[in-house]
Amino acid sequence: MDSCVVPLRQPNLSLVQTTDFFYPLVDDPYMMGKIACANVLSDLYAMGAMDCDNMLMLLGVSQKMSDKERDVVVPLIMRGFKDTAEEAGTAVTGGQTVLNPWLTIGGVATSVCQSNEFIMPDDAVAGDVLVLTKPLGTQVAVNAHQWLDVPEKWNRLKLVVSEEDVRKAYHRAMTSMARLNRTAAKLMHKYSAHGATDVTGFGLLGHANNLARIQKREVSFVIHNLPVIAKMAAVSKACGTTFGLYQGMSAETSGGLLIALPREQAAAFCKDIERQEGYQAWIIGIVERGNHTARIIEKPRVIEVPAKEKDNESW
């Protein structure tokens, strides 16, 4: 799943560890560093491991960059990564930097946990509900923003969305991707979560299937609701099969946690995370008896996020 859990020689201690890296997807190098760090840490948080004891940074510097580009861009990426690590209560103590054809950024996150400090992801029961802690549509927003400068793409999109809407969605996507899932990890313990995963490159349905497949009990996941960054559902629809957002196949970067929670605890979880962070979480589906699969109903309810525009506020 998201992290390995390795029992240590010392009694009642395990090493929870993960690694991840990817290519830049936003224009702002500082935000790219923050997103990369949040993405690495998210795999620990999906295991309910709230505290990261050590981080390493993995950085590939492109040989195709000029000296000036490298000297401006790379320190900003590193600073964004470092600042988000500090926000998470940890520190970058080392890592590896290489020259190669591609610019890449990622890292390794490690937590030493007692058995009650992490939550194995395989304990869902029929009757649980599924909660998602960040909206979908990050890939759609990032691509739509890039297509503002591609006339043949933009001429199709402008029929369903304005340039202002695209720029706003792009900034919302960046904010969402850079936000830590740490509060959600803490609340998983408080509200007796039965397992979780983070939603990233395989899309909502891909990760839901991965989570359903490893469950100890004979259960399946059924998803009814899709919270999506405002206007991005319309953009996805206008692009035909490019993204597969309605089918749960659209890739996300540093997405939310998909959590199986007892039905009686889920609403309180959502209220608590909004009270602490100012961001919503949503009940998006149910756990029922089944054969370790996940599906999205034929006509899921799309929830625009945010539901209402607020003056001078992004969310």
Protein backbone atom coordinates (compact mmCIF):
# COMPACT_ATOMS: atom_id res chain seq x y z
CA MET A 1 0.00 0.00 0.00
CA ASP A 2 1.21 3.53 0.74
CA SER A 3 4.09 2.80 3.11
CA CYS A 4 6.04 -0.22 4.26
CA VAL A 5 5.66 -1.20 7.93
CA VAL A 6 8.76 -3.03 9.17
CA PRO A 7 8.92 -4.40 12.75
CA LEU A 8 12.16 -3.31 14.44
CA ARG A 9 14.39 -5.30 16.77
CA GLN A 10 13.17 -3.24 19.70
CA PRO A 11 9.86 -4.49 21.14
CA ASN A 12 6.63 -2.83 19.95
CA LEU A 13 8.37 -0.53 17.44
CA SER A 14 7.94 -0.45 13.66
CA LEU A 15 9.52 1.57 10.89
CA VAL A 16 6.90 3.21 8.66
CA GLN A 17 8.62 4.46 5.52
CA THR A 18 7.82 5.69 2.02
CA THR A 19 9.50 7.26 -0.99
CA ASP A 20 8.10 9.18 -3.95
CA PHE A 21 9.19 11.60 -6.65
CA PHE A 22 7.77 13.16 -9.79
CA TYR A 23 8.20 15.85 -12.41
CA PRO A 24 7.17 19.52 -12.04
CA LEU A 25 3.54 20.21 -12.84
CA VAL A 26 3.11 23.87 -11.80
CA ASP A 27 4.89 27.06 -12.87
CA ASP A 28 5.97 28.19 -9.39
CA PRO A 29 9.17 26.39 -8.23
CA TYR A 30 8.55 27.18 -4.55
CA MET A 31 5.03 25.72 -4.71
CA MET A 32 6.40 22.72 -6.59
CA GLY A 33 8.74 22.03 -3.66
CA LYS A 34 5.85 22.29 -1.21
CA ILE A 35 3.65 19.98 -3.29
CA ALA A 36 6.42 17.40 -3.59
CA CYS A 37 7.01 17.34 0.16
CA ALA A 38 3.28 17.13 0.95
CA ASN A 39 2.98 14.29 -1.56
CA VAL A 40 5.78 12.27 0.08
CA LEU A 41 4.41 12.80 3.59
CA SER A 42 0.89 11.86 2.50
CA ASP A 43 1.86 8.18 2.31
CA LEU A 44 2.76 8.23 6.02
CA TYR A 45 -0.46 10.06 6.87
CA ALA A 46 -2.49 7.44 4.99
CA MET A 47 -1.18 4.95 7.56
CA GLY A 48 -2.26 7.24 10.40
CA ALA A 49 1.40 7.98 11.18
CA MET A 50 1.11 11.60 12.30
CA ASP A 51 4.78 12.37 13.02
CA CYS A 52 7.63 12.05 10.55
CA ASP A 53 10.97 11.49 12.26
CA ASN A 54 13.20 12.09 9.25
CA MET A 55 13.01 13.29 5.66
CA LEU A 56 15.44 12.97 2.78
CA MET A 57 15.17 15.00 -0.42
CA LEU A 58 15.64 13.43 -3.85
CA LEU A 59 16.43 16.06 -6.47
CA GLY A 60 17.20 15.62 -10.14
CA VAL A 61 18.57 18.78 -11.76
CA SER A 62 18.08 18.98 -15.50
CA GLN A 63 21.18 19.30 -17.65
CA LYS A 64 19.04 21.22 -20.12
CA MET A 65 18.65 24.17 -17.73
CA SER A 66 20.88 27.19 -18.18
CA ASP A 67 23.10 28.18 -15.26
CA LYS A 68 20.76 31.08 -14.46
CA GLU A 69 17.64 28.89 -14.61
CA ARG A 70 19.28 26.34 -12.31
CA ASP A 71 20.50 28.97 -9.84
CA VAL A 72 17.03 30.51 -9.56
CA VAL A 73 14.71 27.49 -9.82
CA VAL A 74 16.49 24.81 -7.81
CA PRO A 75 16.92 26.80 -4.55
CA LEU A 76 13.23 27.77 -4.68
CA ILE A 77 12.16 24.12 -5.05
CA MET A 78 14.42 23.14 -2.16
CA ARG A 79 13.08 25.95 0.03
CA GLY A 80 9.47 24.95 -0.65
CA PHE A 81 10.26 21.34 0.24
CA LYS A 82 12.09 22.39 3.42
CA ASP A 83 9.34 24.79 4.54
CA THR A 84 6.62 22.15 4.20
CA ALA A 85 8.75 19.63 6.08
CA GLU A 86 9.04 22.15 8.93
CA GLU A 87 5.28 22.76 8.77
CA ALA A 88 4.90 19.01 9.29
CA GLY A 89 7.13 19.12 12.36
CA THR A 90 10.08 17.39 10.75
CA ALA A 91 13.31 18.33 8.97
CA VAL A 92 15.24 17.42 5.84
CA THR A 93 18.52 15.89 7.02
CA GLY A 94 20.01 14.80 3.71
CA GLY A 95 19.24 13.11 0.44
CA GLN A 96 20.65 12.88 -3.05
CA THR A 97 21.08 15.31 -5.93
CA VAL A 98 21.89 14.17 -9.46
CA LEU A 99 22.23 15.73 -12.88
CA ASN A 100 20.04 14.14 -15.54
CA PRO A 101 17.89 15.16 -18.53
CA TRP A 102 14.79 15.75 -16.38
CA LEU A 103 13.96 17.94 -13.43
CA THR A 104 12.53 15.73 -10.66
CA ILE A 105 11.72 16.32 -7.01
CA GLY A 106 10.73 13.92 -4.26
CA GLY A 107 11.96 12.36 -1.07
CA VAL A 108 11.89 9.69 1.60
CA ALA A 109 9.80 9.99 4.77
CA THR A 110 10.36 7.83 7.83
CA SER A 111 8.45 7.43 11.07
CA VAL A 112 9.31 5.17 14.02
CA CYS A 113 6.00 4.13 15.55
CA GLN A 114 4.59 2.12 18.39
CA SER A 115 1.81 -0.22 17.33
CA ASN A 116 -0.92 2.22 18.41
CA GLU A 117 0.57 5.07 16.36
CA PHE A 118 -0.30 3.73 12.92
CA ILE A 119 -3.46 2.27 11.41
CA MET A 120 -3.28 -0.69 9.06
CA PRO A 121 -5.41 -0.07 5.95
CA ASP A 122 -7.26 -3.41 5.81
CA ASP A 123 -9.96 -3.31 8.49
CA ALA A 124 -13.04 -1.89 6.66
CA VAL A 125 -16.40 -3.43 7.54
CA ALA A 126 -19.73 -3.46 5.74
CA GLY A 127 -21.65 -0.40 6.91
CA ASP A 128 -18.63 1.90 6.98
CA VAL A 129 -18.66 5.03 4.85
CA LEU A 130 -15.91 6.47 2.66
CA VAL A 131 -14.62 9.97 3.34
CA LEU A 132 -12.42 12.06 1.03
CA THR A 133 -10.41 14.96 2.47
CA LYS A 134 -9.48 16.95 -0.66
CA PRO A 135 -11.38 17.71 -3.88
CA LEU A 136 -10.62 16.00 -7.17
CA GLY A 137 -9.64 17.69 -10.41
CA THR A 138 -6.02 18.75 -9.85
CA GLN A 139 -4.80 17.29 -13.16
CA VAL A 140 -7.71 18.88 -15.02
CA ALA A 141 -6.96 22.29 -13.47
CA VAL A 142 -3.22 22.11 -14.22
CA ASN A 143 -3.80 21.05 -17.82
CA ALA A 144 -6.53 23.65 -18.41
CA HIS A 145 -4.13 26.32 -17.16
CA GLN A 146 -1.45 25.16 -19.60
CA TRP A 147 -3.98 25.13 -22.44
CA LEU A 148 -4.70 28.85 -22.01
CA ASP A 149 -1.65 29.27 -24.26
CA VAL A 150 -2.64 26.56 -26.77
CA PRO A 151 -5.28 28.07 -29.11
CA GLU A 152 -6.63 24.80 -30.51
CA LYS A 153 -7.22 23.51 -26.95
CA TRP A 154 -8.47 26.78 -25.46
CA ASN A 155 -10.96 27.41 -28.28
CA ARG A 156 -12.80 24.26 -27.17
CA LEU A 157 -12.58 24.95 -23.45
CA LYS A 158 -13.70 28.58 -23.58
CA LEU A 159 -17.16 27.38 -24.56
CA VAL A 160 -17.65 25.99 -21.04
CA VAL A 161 -15.29 27.97 -18.79
CA SER A 162 -13.79 31.46 -18.54
CA GLU A 163 -10.10 32.30 -18.33
CA GLU A 164 -10.69 33.65 -14.81
CA ASP A 165 -12.31 30.37 -13.77
CA VAL A 166 -9.31 28.41 -15.09
CA ARG A 167 -6.78 30.61 -13.28
CA LYS A 168 -8.78 30.35 -10.07
CA ALA A 169 -9.02 26.57 -10.37
CA TYR A 170 -5.26 26.36 -10.97
CA HIS A 171 -4.51 28.31 -7.78
CA ARG A 172 -7.03 26.22 -5.86
CA ALA A 173 -5.34 23.08 -7.16
CA MET A 174 -1.91 24.35 -6.08
CA THR A 175 -3.20 25.21 -2.61
CA SER A 176 -4.86 21.81 -2.27
CA MET A 177 -1.81 19.87 -3.46
CA ALA A 178 0.50 21.75 -1.08
CA ARG A 179 -1.77 21.15 1.94
CA LEU A 180 -0.69 18.44 4.36
CA ASN A 181 -2.96 15.52 5.23
CA ARG A 182 -1.59 15.57 8.77
CA THR A 183 -4.80 16.76 10.46
CA ALA A 184 -6.72 14.00 8.69
CA ALA A 185 -4.17 11.46 9.96
CA LYS A 186 -4.66 12.66 13.55
CA LEU A 187 -8.43 12.49 13.22
CA MET A 188 -8.24 8.94 11.85
CA HIS A 189 -7.22 7.88 15.39
CA LYS A 190 -9.83 10.05 17.11
CA TYR A 191 -12.68 8.67 14.98
CA SER A 192 -11.59 5.02 14.79
CA ALA A 193 -10.77 4.79 11.09
CA HIS A 194 -10.66 1.27 9.63
CA GLY A 195 -8.09 2.08 6.93
CA ALA A 196 -7.11 4.67 4.35
CA THR A 197 -5.08 5.45 1.27
CA ASP A 198 -4.13 8.69 -0.42
CA VAL A 199 -5.53 9.54 -3.84
CA THR A 200 -2.74 10.25 -6.32
CA GLY A 201 -1.65 8.97 -9.71
CA PHE A 202 -4.12 6.10 -10.13
CA GLY A 203 -7.12 8.39 -9.65
CA LEU A 204 -9.95 7.97 -7.16
CA LEU A 205 -11.20 4.64 -8.48
CA GLY A 206 -7.72 3.19 -8.94
CA HIS A 207 -6.80 3.86 -5.34
CA ALA A 208 -10.24 2.78 -4.08
CA ASN A 209 -9.73 -0.53 -5.90
CA ASN A 210 -6.27 -0.93 -4.37
CA LEU A 211 -7.72 -0.33 -0.89
CA ALA A 212 -10.68 -2.67 -1.45
CA ARG A 213 -8.41 -5.43 -2.73
CA ILE A 214 -6.43 -5.74 0.49
CA GLN A 215 -9.33 -5.77 2.94
CA LYS A 216 -9.49 -8.69 5.38
CA ARG A 217 -13.27 -8.94 5.11
CA GLU A 218 -15.42 -9.65 2.06
CA VAL A 219 -16.34 -6.06 1.23
CA SER A 220 -16.60 -3.71 -1.74
CA PHE A 221 -16.60 0.08 -2.04
CA VAL A 222 -19.37 2.03 -3.81
CA ILE A 223 -18.75 5.71 -4.59
CA HIS A 224 -21.75 8.03 -5.07
CA ASN A 225 -20.29 11.54 -4.81
CA LEU A 226 -17.40 13.28 -6.59
CA PRO A 227 -16.23 16.55 -4.97
CA VAL A 228 -14.44 18.44 -7.75
CA ILE A 229 -12.62 21.78 -7.91
CA ALA A 230 -15.17 24.29 -9.24
CA LYS A 231 -15.71 24.29 -13.03
CA MET A 232 -13.30 21.40 -13.61
CA ALA A 233 -16.07 18.82 -14.06
CA ALA A 234 -17.33 20.88 -17.02
CA VAL A 235 -13.80 21.11 -18.43
CA SER A 236 -13.34 17.35 -18.11
CA LYS A 237 -16.66 16.71 -19.85
CA ALA A 238 -15.70 19.05 -22.70
CA CYS A 239 -12.46 17.07 -23.17
CA GLY A 240 -14.25 13.79 -23.77
CA THR A 241 -12.19 10.82 -22.58
CA THR A 242 -8.97 12.78 -21.97
CA PHE A 243 -9.23 12.77 -18.16
CA GLY A 244 -11.86 10.22 -17.11
CA LEU A 245 -12.81 12.35 -14.11
CA TYR A 246 -16.38 11.03 -13.90
CA GLN A 247 -15.03 7.49 -14.10
CA GLY A 248 -12.56 8.09 -11.25
CA MET A 249 -9.56 7.61 -13.50
CA SER A 250 -8.20 11.17 -13.57
CA ALA A 251 -4.76 11.29 -11.95
CA GLU A 252 -4.37 13.47 -8.88
CA THR A 253 -1.20 14.81 -7.31
CA SER A 254 -0.94 15.08 -3.52
CA GLY A 255 -4.66 14.37 -3.24
CA GLY A 256 -6.74 13.75 -0.17
CA LEU A 257 -7.02 10.71 2.05
CA LEU A 258 -9.73 8.20 1.19
CA ILE A 259 -10.77 6.84 4.58
CA ALA A 260 -13.10 4.04 5.67
CA LEU A 261 -14.84 5.27 8.83
CA PRO A 262 -17.64 3.91 11.01
CA ARG A 263 -20.87 5.43 9.76
CA GLU A 264 -21.64 7.02 13.13
CA GLN A 265 -18.23 8.76 13.23
CA ALA A 266 -17.95 10.12 9.69
CA ALA A 267 -20.02 13.31 10.00
CA ALA A 268 -18.13 14.29 13.17
CA PHE A 269 -14.83 13.65 11.37
CA CYS A 270 -15.85 15.99 8.53
CA LYS A 271 -16.97 18.71 10.93
CA ASP A 272 -13.78 18.40 12.97
CA ILE A 273 -11.44 18.70 10.00
CA GLU A 274 -13.33 21.76 8.74
CA ARG A 275 -13.20 23.33 12.19
CA GLN A 276 -9.45 22.78 12.48
CA GLU A 277 -8.36 23.54 8.92
CA GLY A 278 -11.13 25.57 7.33
CA TYR A 279 -11.39 23.02 4.49
CA GLN A 280 -14.17 20.55 3.81
CA ALA A 281 -14.13 16.77 3.75
CA TRP A 282 -16.94 14.74 2.16
CA ILE A 283 -18.73 11.44 2.64
CA ILE A 284 -18.46 10.05 -0.89
CA GLY A 285 -19.51 6.41 -0.64
CA ILE A 286 -20.21 3.29 1.37
CA VAL A 287 -18.63 -0.04 2.22
CA GLU A 288 -20.88 -3.02 1.54
CA ARG A 289 -20.52 -6.78 1.44
CA GLY A 290 -18.71 -7.76 -1.74
CA ASN A 291 -15.69 -9.18 -3.51
CA HIS A 292 -12.87 -6.70 -2.86
CA THR A 293 -13.70 -4.29 -5.69
CA ALA A 294 -14.62 -0.62 -5.98
CA ARG A 295 -16.99 1.11 -8.36
CA ILE A 296 -18.52 4.50 -9.04
CA ILE A 297 -22.27 4.53 -9.66
CA GLU A 298 -23.45 5.31 -13.20
CA LYS A 299 -24.47 8.90 -12.47
CA PRO A 300 -22.47 10.13 -9.47
CA ARG A 301 -23.35 13.41 -7.83
CA VAL A 302 -20.73 16.04 -8.68
CA ILE A 303 -20.10 18.47 -5.81
CA GLU A 304 -18.58 21.79 -6.91
CA VAL A 305 -15.83 22.92 -4.51
CA PRO A 306 -16.28 25.52 -3.23
CA ALA A 307 -20.05 25.48 -3.55
CA LYS A 308 -20.21 29.31 -3.46
CA GLU A 309 -17.69 31.93 -4.49
CA LYS A 310 -16.53 34.19 -1.67
CA ASP A 311 -15.24 37.70 -2.30
CA ASN A 312 -11.46 37.92 -1.93
CA GLU A 313 -11.27 34.26 -0.83
CA SER A 314 -10.13 31.31 -2.92
CA TRP A 315 -12.13 28.68 -1.03
